[in-house]
Amino acid sequence: MKTLRDVKVGETAKVKAIHGAGALKRRIMDMGITKGTEIYVRKVAPLGDPVEATVRGFELSLRKDDADILEME
């Protein structure tokens, strides 16, 4: 399973599924990340946390734990 953390800087990937439950999944979906959304990875911090991405035309920073629940194509 490829997650958002596995996507390299400068690559674009599409969300295949969101693995998570409750408030965490709801928060991710409220940020505009849903199944089929394309995410462009702009930067990754030196220790891997956070991941800066472009989603639906806006910039978004995600923690490693949040990036792990996003299965990518």
Protein backbone atom coordinates (compact mmCIF):
# COMPACT_ATOMS: atom_id res chain seq x y z
CA MET A 1 0.00 0.00 0.00
CA LYS A 2 1.43 3.36 -1.07
CA THR A 3 0.65 6.25 1.28
CA LEU A 4 1.14 9.99 0.91
CA ARG A 5 4.42 9.69 2.84
CA ASP A 6 5.76 7.46 0.03
CA VAL A 7 5.09 10.05 -2.69
CA LYS A 8 8.29 11.85 -3.69
CA VAL A 9 8.69 15.64 -3.78
CA GLY A 10 7.50 17.01 -7.12
CA GLU A 11 5.14 14.11 -7.83
CA THR A 12 1.36 14.12 -8.06
CA ALA A 13 -0.75 11.22 -6.83
CA LYS A 14 -4.46 10.52 -6.57
CA VAL A 15 -6.17 9.50 -3.33
CA LYS A 16 -7.37 5.92 -3.60
CA ALA A 17 -8.80 5.56 -0.07
CA ILE A 18 -8.79 7.18 3.35
CA HIS A 19 -8.02 4.70 6.12
CA GLY A 20 -9.06 6.11 9.44
CA ALA A 21 -12.11 6.67 11.54
CA GLY A 22 -13.96 9.26 13.50
CA ALA A 23 -12.63 12.77 13.98
CA LEU A 24 -9.35 12.16 12.12
CA LYS A 25 -11.08 11.04 8.92
CA ARG A 26 -13.61 13.87 9.20
CA ARG A 27 -10.82 16.46 9.62
CA ILE A 28 -8.97 15.15 6.55
CA MET A 29 -12.17 15.27 4.49
CA ASP A 30 -12.96 18.79 5.75
CA MET A 31 -9.59 19.90 4.35
CA GLY A 32 -10.80 18.89 0.89
CA ILE A 33 -9.04 15.53 0.66
CA THR A 34 -11.52 12.98 -0.63
CA LYS A 35 -11.29 9.87 -2.80
CA GLY A 36 -10.08 10.79 -6.29
CA THR A 37 -8.45 14.09 -5.27
CA GLU A 38 -5.03 14.76 -6.78
CA ILE A 39 -2.31 15.83 -4.34
CA TYR A 40 0.97 17.43 -5.45
CA VAL A 41 3.79 17.06 -2.90
CA ARG A 42 5.70 20.35 -2.76
CA LYS A 43 8.09 19.86 0.17
CA VAL A 44 8.94 17.45 2.95
CA ALA A 45 10.65 18.62 6.13
CA PRO A 46 14.11 17.12 6.83
CA LEU A 47 12.74 14.66 9.38
CA GLY A 48 9.66 13.90 7.27
CA ASP A 49 7.17 15.85 9.36
CA PRO A 50 5.26 17.81 8.02
CA VAL A 51 4.56 17.17 4.36
CA GLU A 52 3.60 20.30 2.39
CA ALA A 53 1.19 19.61 -0.45
CA THR A 54 -1.08 21.37 -2.92
CA VAL A 55 -4.68 20.17 -2.76
CA ARG A 56 -7.44 21.68 -4.92
CA GLY A 57 -5.38 24.83 -5.50
CA PHE A 58 -4.39 25.58 -1.90
CA GLU A 59 -1.35 24.77 0.23
CA LEU A 60 -1.72 22.26 3.03
CA SER A 61 0.70 20.88 5.62
CA LEU A 62 0.03 17.38 6.93
CA ARG A 63 1.61 15.52 9.81
CA LYS A 64 3.18 12.10 9.20
CA ASP A 65 0.32 10.37 11.01
CA ASP A 66 -2.23 12.12 8.79
CA ALA A 67 -0.26 11.29 5.64
CA ASP A 68 -0.15 7.60 6.63
CA ILE A 69 -3.92 7.16 6.45
CA LEU A 70 -4.09 8.36 2.83
CA GLU A 71 -3.71 5.47 0.38
CA MET A 72 -2.49 6.76 -2.99
CA GLU A 73 -2.61 5.38 -6.55
